[in-house]
């Protein structure tokens, strides 16, 4: 089966936007969907077998750690 590709977008929020508009399916981290204002427009499918968990990397410039918000977040990481 060859699906029709309507668009290719970069970024999890863009994927959520396209799916909420009715353009197919997408895969995003749960935290993205939980915090999206578009979550009410999306149906979560129960896919079996479940996708395996994956790690997310975070990056920041050293000078950005002077920002209190960035520093507070960064201090919570292991």
PDB file of N, CA and C in Angstrom:
ATOM      1  N   UNK A   1       0.837  -1.172   0.000  1.00  0.00           N
ATOM      2  CA  UNK A   1       0.000   0.000   0.000  1.00  0.00           C
ATOM      3  C   UNK A   1       0.886   1.240   0.000  1.00  0.00           C
ATOM      4  N   UNK A   2       0.588   2.193  -0.819  1.00  0.00           N
ATOM      5  CA  UNK A   2       1.366   3.432  -0.904  1.00  0.00           C
ATOM      6  C   UNK A   2       0.469   4.601  -0.483  1.00  0.00           C
ATOM      7  N   UNK A   3       0.741   5.204   0.688  1.00  0.00           N
ATOM      8  CA  UNK A   3      -0.121   6.310   1.136  1.00  0.00           C
ATOM      9  C   UNK A   3       0.124   7.573   0.323  1.00  0.00           C
ATOM     10  N   UNK A   4      -0.891   8.414   0.241  1.00  0.00           N
ATOM     11  CA  UNK A   4      -0.736   9.727  -0.384  1.00  0.00           C
ATOM     12  C   UNK A   4      -0.091  10.665   0.618  1.00  0.00           C
ATOM     13  N   UNK A   5       0.933  11.391   0.195  1.00  0.00           N
ATOM     14  CA  UNK A   5       1.609  12.337   1.072  1.00  0.00           C
ATOM     15  C   UNK A   5       1.084  13.726   0.735  1.00  0.00           C
ATOM     16  N   UNK A   6       0.367  14.339   1.686  1.00  0.00           N
ATOM     17  CA  UNK A   6      -0.184  15.684   1.500  1.00  0.00           C
ATOM     18  C   UNK A   6       0.872  16.733   1.788  1.00  0.00           C
ATOM     19  N   UNK A   7       1.652  16.493   2.839  1.00  0.00           N
ATOM     20  CA  UNK A   7       2.656  17.463   3.256  1.00  0.00           C
ATOM     21  C   UNK A   7       3.659  16.781   4.168  1.00  0.00           C
ATOM     22  N   UNK A   8       4.825  17.355   4.228  1.00  0.00           N
ATOM     23  CA  UNK A   8       5.830  16.917   5.179  1.00  0.00           C
ATOM     24  C   UNK A   8       6.189  18.141   5.999  1.00  0.00           C
ATOM     25  N   UNK A   9       6.065  18.024   7.308  1.00  0.00           N
ATOM     26  CA  UNK A   9       6.318  19.155   8.181  1.00  0.00           C
ATOM     27  C   UNK A   9       7.414  18.812   9.171  1.00  0.00           C
ATOM     28  N   UNK A  10       8.054  19.837   9.685  1.00  0.00           N
ATOM     29  CA  UNK A  10       9.097  19.655  10.691  1.00  0.00           C
ATOM     30  C   UNK A  10       8.569  20.145  12.029  1.00  0.00           C
ATOM     31  N   UNK A  11       8.740  19.363  13.046  1.00  0.00           N
ATOM     32  CA  UNK A  11       8.325  19.770  14.380  1.00  0.00           C
ATOM     33  C   UNK A  11       7.061  19.070  14.826  1.00  0.00           C
ATOM     34  N   UNK A  12       7.038  18.718  16.103  1.00  0.00           N
ATOM     35  CA  UNK A  12       5.903  17.987  16.662  1.00  0.00           C
ATOM     36  C   UNK A  12       4.613  18.793  16.620  1.00  0.00           C
ATOM     37  N   UNK A  13       4.692  20.093  16.914  1.00  0.00           N
ATOM     38  CA  UNK A  13       3.492  20.922  16.913  1.00  0.00           C
ATOM     39  C   UNK A  13       2.893  21.006  15.513  1.00  0.00           C
ATOM     40  N   UNK A  14       3.750  21.041  14.496  1.00  0.00           N
ATOM     41  CA  UNK A  14       3.266  21.077  13.114  1.00  0.00           C
ATOM     42  C   UNK A  14       2.569  19.769  12.754  1.00  0.00           C
ATOM     43  N   UNK A  15       3.076  18.663  13.257  1.00  0.00           N
ATOM     44  CA  UNK A  15       2.436  17.371  13.012  1.00  0.00           C
ATOM     45  C   UNK A  15       1.047  17.364  13.642  1.00  0.00           C
ATOM     46  N   UNK A  16       0.950  17.834  14.888  1.00  0.00           N
ATOM     47  CA  UNK A  16      -0.346  17.889  15.565  1.00  0.00           C
ATOM     48  C   UNK A  16      -1.310  18.772  14.772  1.00  0.00           C
ATOM     49  N   UNK A  17      -0.842  19.902  14.276  1.00  0.00           N
ATOM     50  CA  UNK A  17      -1.696  20.804  13.493  1.00  0.00           C
ATOM     51  C   UNK A  17      -2.221  20.123  12.236  1.00  0.00           C
ATOM     52  N   UNK A  18      -1.362  19.451  11.499  1.00  0.00           N
ATOM     53  CA  UNK A  18      -1.789  18.790  10.268  1.00  0.00           C
ATOM     54  C   UNK A  18      -2.799  17.681  10.556  1.00  0.00           C
ATOM     55  N   UNK A  19      -2.555  16.896  11.598  1.00  0.00           N
ATOM     56  CA  UNK A  19      -3.489  15.818  11.949  1.00  0.00           C
ATOM     57  C   UNK A  19      -4.831  16.409  12.381  1.00  0.00           C
ATOM     58  N   UNK A  20      -4.798  17.488  13.155  1.00  0.00           N
ATOM     59  CA  UNK A  20      -6.061  18.091  13.618  1.00  0.00           C
ATOM     60  C   UNK A  20      -6.875  18.663  12.463  1.00  0.00           C
ATOM     61  N   UNK A  21      -6.203  18.989  11.359  1.00  0.00           N
ATOM     62  CA  UNK A  21      -6.902  19.475  10.167  1.00  0.00           C
ATOM     63  C   UNK A  21      -7.453  18.326   9.317  1.00  0.00           C
ATOM     64  N   UNK A  22      -7.135  17.097   9.704  1.00  0.00           N
ATOM     65  CA  UNK A  22      -7.657  15.940   8.979  1.00  0.00           C
ATOM     66  C   UNK A  22      -6.717  15.376   7.937  1.00  0.00           C
ATOM     67  N   UNK A  23      -5.450  15.791   7.972  1.00  0.00           N
ATOM     68  CA  UNK A  23      -4.487  15.311   6.990  1.00  0.00           C
ATOM     69  C   UNK A  23      -3.700  14.129   7.530  1.00  0.00           C
ATOM     70  N   UNK A  24      -4.354  12.992   7.667  1.00  0.00           N
ATOM     71  CA  UNK A  24      -3.673  11.740   7.975  1.00  0.00           C
ATOM     72  C   UNK A  24      -3.400  11.501   9.439  1.00  0.00           C
ATOM     73  N   UNK A  25      -2.310  10.774   9.681  1.00  0.00           N
ATOM     74  CA  UNK A  25      -1.922  10.370  11.024  1.00  0.00           C
ATOM     75  C   UNK A  25      -0.515  10.862  11.305  1.00  0.00           C
ATOM     76  N   UNK A  26      -0.149  10.898  12.568  1.00  0.00           N
ATOM     77  CA  UNK A  26       1.192  11.320  12.944  1.00  0.00           C
ATOM     78  C   UNK A  26       1.604  10.676  14.248  1.00  0.00           C
ATOM     79  N   UNK A  27       2.884  10.744  14.525  1.00  0.00           N
ATOM     80  CA  UNK A  27       3.439  10.210  15.765  1.00  0.00           C
ATOM     81  C   UNK A  27       4.191  11.348  16.445  1.00  0.00           C
ATOM     82  N   UNK A  28       3.772  11.667  17.675  1.00  0.00           N
ATOM     83  CA  UNK A  28       4.435  12.702  18.467  1.00  0.00           C
ATOM     84  C   UNK A  28       4.557  12.213  19.908  1.00  0.00           C
ATOM     85  N   UNK A  29       5.489  12.767  20.665  1.00  0.00           N
ATOM     86  CA  UNK A  29       5.559  12.413  22.086  1.00  0.00           C
ATOM     87  C   UNK A  29       4.266  12.801  22.797  1.00  0.00           C
ATOM     88  N   UNK A  30       3.868  12.014  23.759  1.00  0.00           N
ATOM     89  CA  UNK A  30       2.613  12.244  24.484  1.00  0.00           C
ATOM     90  C   UNK A  30       2.583  13.629  25.130  1.00  0.00           C
ATOM     91  N   UNK A  31       3.732  14.089  25.643  1.00  0.00           N
ATOM     92  CA  UNK A  31       3.773  15.388  26.305  1.00  0.00           C
ATOM     93  C   UNK A  31       3.398  16.519  25.343  1.00  0.00           C
ATOM     94  N   UNK A  32       3.728  16.367  24.077  1.00  0.00           N
ATOM     95  CA  UNK A  32       3.377  17.378  23.076  1.00  0.00           C
ATOM     96  C   UNK A  32       1.863  17.426  22.913  1.00  0.00           C
ATOM     97  N   UNK A  33       1.254  16.276  22.781  1.00  0.00           N
ATOM     98  CA  UNK A  33      -0.201  16.214  22.611  1.00  0.00           C
ATOM     99  C   UNK A  33      -0.919  16.685  23.869  1.00  0.00           C
ATOM    100  N   UNK A  34      -0.431  16.304  25.037  1.00  0.00           N
ATOM    101  CA  UNK A  34      -1.057  16.705  26.298  1.00  0.00           C
ATOM    102  C   UNK A  34      -1.072  18.220  26.483  1.00  0.00           C
ATOM    103  N   UNK A  35      -0.101  18.911  25.899  1.00  0.00           N
ATOM    104  CA  UNK A  35       0.002  20.359  26.059  1.00  0.00           C
ATOM    105  C   UNK A  35      -0.458  21.136  24.835  1.00  0.00           C
ATOM    106  N   UNK A  36      -1.038  20.469  23.881  1.00  0.00           N
ATOM    107  CA  UNK A  36      -1.483  21.130  22.665  1.00  0.00           C
ATOM    108  C   UNK A  36      -2.915  21.641  22.804  1.00  0.00           C
ATOM    109  N   UNK A  37      -3.181  22.867  22.350  1.00  0.00           N
ATOM    110  CA  UNK A  37      -4.560  23.351  22.351  1.00  0.00           C
ATOM    111  C   UNK A  37      -5.431  22.618  21.326  1.00  0.00           C
ATOM    112  N   UNK A  38      -4.816  21.848  20.460  1.00  0.00           N
ATOM    113  CA  UNK A  38      -5.539  21.114  19.420  1.00  0.00           C
ATOM    114  C   UNK A  38      -5.853  19.672  19.821  1.00  0.00           C
ATOM    115  N   UNK A  39      -5.484  19.279  21.029  1.00  0.00           N
ATOM    116  CA  UNK A  39      -5.635  17.880  21.459  1.00  0.00           C
ATOM    117  C   UNK A  39      -7.079  17.396  21.375  1.00  0.00           C
ATOM    118  N   UNK A  40      -8.039  18.273  21.588  1.00  0.00           N
ATOM    119  CA  UNK A  40      -9.453  17.871  21.547  1.00  0.00           C
ATOM    120  C   UNK A  40      -9.891  17.480  20.143  1.00  0.00           C
ATOM    121  N   UNK A  41      -9.129  17.894  19.140  1.00  0.00           N
ATOM    122  CA  UNK A  41      -9.463  17.596  17.743  1.00  0.00           C
ATOM    123  C   UNK A  41      -8.807  16.315  17.234  1.00  0.00           C
ATOM    124  N   UNK A  42      -8.129  15.602  18.111  1.00  0.00           N
ATOM    125  CA  UNK A  42      -7.327  14.450  17.694  1.00  0.00           C
ATOM    126  C   UNK A  42      -7.817  13.192  18.392  1.00  0.00           C
ATOM    127  N   UNK A  43      -7.854  12.107  17.652  1.00  0.00           N
ATOM    128  CA  UNK A  43      -8.216  10.800  18.216  1.00  0.00           C
ATOM    129  C   UNK A  43      -6.943   9.971  18.302  1.00  0.00           C
ATOM    130  N   UNK A  44      -6.676   9.423  19.470  1.00  0.00           N
ATOM    131  CA  UNK A  44      -5.493   8.586  19.676  1.00  0.00           C
ATOM    132  C   UNK A  44      -5.853   7.156  19.330  1.00  0.00           C
ATOM    133  N   UNK A  45      -5.066   6.544  18.464  1.00  0.00           N
ATOM    134  CA  UNK A  45      -5.300   5.170  18.052  1.00  0.00           C
ATOM    135  C   UNK A  45      -4.570   4.204  18.970  1.00  0.00           C
ATOM    136  N   UNK A  46      -5.189   3.088  19.270  1.00  0.00           N
ATOM    137  CA  UNK A  46      -4.570   2.050  20.083  1.00  0.00           C
ATOM    138  C   UNK A  46      -3.836   1.093  19.143  1.00  0.00           C
ATOM    139  N   UNK A  47      -2.583   1.358  18.920  1.00  0.00           N
ATOM    140  CA  UNK A  47      -1.764   0.586  17.973  1.00  0.00           C
ATOM    141  C   UNK A  47      -1.059  -0.547  18.719  1.00  0.00           C
ATOM    142  N   UNK A  48      -1.115  -1.739  18.153  1.00  0.00           N
ATOM    143  CA  UNK A  48      -0.430  -2.905  18.718  1.00  0.00           C
ATOM    144  C   UNK A  48       0.477  -3.510  17.660  1.00  0.00           C
ATOM    145  N   UNK A  49       1.701  -3.831  17.948  1.00  0.00           N
ATOM    146  CA  UNK A  49       2.377  -3.594  19.218  1.00  0.00           C
ATOM    147  C   UNK A  49       2.678  -2.106  19.402  1.00  0.00           C
ATOM    148  N   UNK A  50       2.795  -1.691  20.649  1.00  0.00           N
ATOM    149  CA  UNK A  50       3.078  -0.291  20.959  1.00  0.00           C
ATOM    150  C   UNK A  50       4.463   0.086  20.450  1.00  0.00           C
ATOM    151  N   UNK A  51       4.626   1.350  20.115  1.00  0.00           N
ATOM    152  CA  UNK A  51       5.943   1.846  19.714  1.00  0.00           C
ATOM    153  C   UNK A  51       6.884   1.787  20.913  1.00  0.00           C
ATOM    154  N   UNK A  52       8.134   1.485  20.657  1.00  0.00           N
ATOM    155  CA  UNK A  52       9.113   1.434  21.735  1.00  0.00           C
ATOM    156  C   UNK A  52       9.431   2.851  22.207  1.00  0.00           C
ATOM    157  N   UNK A  53       9.770   2.959  23.493  1.00  0.00           N
ATOM    158  CA  UNK A  53      10.151   4.251  24.065  1.00  0.00           C
ATOM    159  C   UNK A  53      11.474   4.712  23.434  1.00  0.00           C
ATOM    160  N   UNK A  54      11.662   6.009  23.399  1.00  0.00           N
ATOM    161  CA  UNK A  54      12.910   6.553  22.880  1.00  0.00           C
ATOM    162  C   UNK A  54      13.364   7.704  23.761  1.00  0.00           C
ATOM    163  N   UNK A  55      14.651   7.994  23.705  1.00  0.00           N
ATOM    164  CA  UNK A  55      15.218   9.063  24.518  1.00  0.00           C
ATOM    165  C   UNK A  55      15.182  10.373  23.753  1.00  0.00           C
ATOM    166  N   UNK A  56      15.021  11.450  24.502  1.00  0.00           N
ATOM    167  CA  UNK A  56      15.017  12.791  23.932  1.00  0.00           C
ATOM    168  C   UNK A  56      16.231  13.528  24.477  1.00  0.00           C
ATOM    169  N   UNK A  57      16.991  14.156  23.609  1.00  0.00           N
ATOM    170  CA  UNK A  57      18.152  14.931  24.028  1.00  0.00           C
ATOM    171  C   UNK A  57      17.809  16.407  24.129  1.00  0.00           C
ATOM    172  N   UNK A  58      18.420  17.088  25.073  1.00  0.00           N
ATOM    173  CA  UNK A  58      18.220  18.524  25.252  1.00  0.00           C
ATOM    174  C   UNK A  58      19.555  19.240  25.112  1.00  0.00           C
ATOM    175  N   UNK A  59      19.518  20.391  24.489  1.00  0.00           N
ATOM    176  CA  UNK A  59      20.711  21.179  24.262  1.00  0.00           C
ATOM    177  C   UNK A  59      20.448  22.617  24.661  1.00  0.00           C
ATOM    178  N   UNK A  60      21.488  23.292  25.165  1.00  0.00           N
ATOM    179  CA  UNK A  60      21.375  24.712  25.483  1.00  0.00           C
ATOM    180  C   UNK A  60      22.766  25.329  25.413  1.00  0.00           C
ATOM    181  N   UNK A  61      22.824  26.557  24.938  1.00  0.00           N
ATOM    182  CA  UNK A  61      24.081  27.291  24.988  1.00  0.00           C
ATOM    183  C   UNK A  61      24.379  27.642  26.438  1.00  0.00           C
ATOM    184  N   UNK A  62      25.666  27.603  26.820  1.00  0.00           N
ATOM    185  CA  UNK A  62      26.039  27.905  28.199  1.00  0.00           C
ATOM    186  C   UNK A  62      25.527  29.273  28.631  1.00  0.00           C
ATOM    187  N   UNK A  63      25.605  30.255  27.741  1.00  0.00           N
ATOM    188  CA  UNK A  63      25.174  31.606  28.104  1.00  0.00           C
ATOM    189  C   UNK A  63      23.661  31.674  28.361  1.00  0.00           C
ATOM    190  N   UNK A  64      22.900  30.758  27.772  1.00  0.00           N
ATOM    191  CA  UNK A  64      21.445  30.733  28.003  1.00  0.00           C
ATOM    192  C   UNK A  64      21.103  30.247  29.410  1.00  0.00           C
ATOM    193  N   UNK A  65      22.034  29.550  30.069  1.00  0.00           N
ATOM    194  CA  UNK A  65      21.792  29.060  31.420  1.00  0.00           C
ATOM    195  C   UNK A  65      21.727  30.205  32.429  1.00  0.00           C
ATOM    196  N   UNK A  66      22.123  31.414  32.013  1.00  0.00           N
ATOM    197  CA  UNK A  66      21.981  32.588  32.879  1.00  0.00           C
ATOM    198  C   UNK A  66      20.519  33.026  32.992  1.00  0.00           C
ATOM    199  N   UNK A  67      19.692  32.609  32.043  1.00  0.00           N
ATOM    200  CA  UNK A  67      18.264  32.905  32.090  1.00  0.00           C
ATOM    201  C   UNK A  67      17.668  32.073  33.227  1.00  0.00           C
ATOM    202  N   UNK A  68      16.987  32.710  34.208  1.00  0.00           N
ATOM    203  CA  UNK A  68      16.463  31.962  35.358  1.00  0.00           C
ATOM    204  C   UNK A  68      15.508  30.826  34.985  1.00  0.00           C
ATOM    205  N   UNK A  69      14.693  31.015  33.970  1.00  0.00           N
ATOM    206  CA  UNK A  69      13.747  29.963  33.567  1.00  0.00           C
ATOM    207  C   UNK A  69      14.504  28.774  32.981  1.00  0.00           C
ATOM    208  N   UNK A  70      15.452  29.049  32.091  1.00  0.00           N
ATOM    209  CA  UNK A  70      16.249  27.976  31.482  1.00  0.00           C
ATOM    210  C   UNK A  70      17.065  27.273  32.557  1.00  0.00           C
ATOM    211  N   UNK A  71      17.642  28.042  33.457  1.00  0.00           N
ATOM    212  CA  UNK A  71      18.456  27.461  34.517  1.00  0.00           C
ATOM    213  C   UNK A  71      17.624  26.590  35.448  1.00  0.00           C
ATOM    214  N   UNK A  72      16.410  27.028  35.780  1.00  0.00           N
ATOM    215  CA  UNK A  72      15.538  26.226  36.652  1.00  0.00           C
ATOM    216  C   UNK A  72      15.178  24.910  35.985  1.00  0.00           C
ATOM    217  N   UNK A  73      14.863  24.956  34.691  1.00  0.00           N
ATOM    218  CA  UNK A  73      14.551  23.733  33.967  1.00  0.00           C
ATOM    219  C   UNK A  73      15.773  22.825  33.901  1.00  0.00           C
ATOM    220  N   UNK A  74      16.908  23.402  33.536  1.00  0.00           N
ATOM    221  CA  UNK A  74      18.139  22.624  33.369  1.00  0.00           C
ATOM    222  C   UNK A  74      18.549  21.950  34.688  1.00  0.00           C
ATOM    223  N   UNK A  75      18.319  22.626  35.824  1.00  0.00           N
ATOM    224  CA  UNK A  75      18.708  22.065  37.103  1.00  0.00           C
ATOM    225  C   UNK A  75      17.880  20.836  37.479  1.00  0.00           C
ATOM    226  N   UNK A  76      16.735  20.626  36.827  1.00  0.00           N
ATOM    227  CA  UNK A  76      15.882  19.478  37.101  1.00  0.00           C
ATOM    228  C   UNK A  76      16.304  18.219  36.334  1.00  0.00           C
ATOM    229  N   UNK A  77      17.209  18.388  35.374  1.00  0.00           N
ATOM    230  CA  UNK A  77      17.652  17.260  34.553  1.00  0.00           C
ATOM    231  C   UNK A  77      18.697  16.449  35.283  1.00  0.00           C
ATOM    232  N   UNK A  78      18.720  15.145  34.989  1.00  0.00           N
ATOM    233  CA  UNK A  78      19.717  14.275  35.606  1.00  0.00           C
ATOM    234  C   UNK A  78      20.946  14.187  34.744  1.00  0.00           C
TER     235      UNK A  78
END
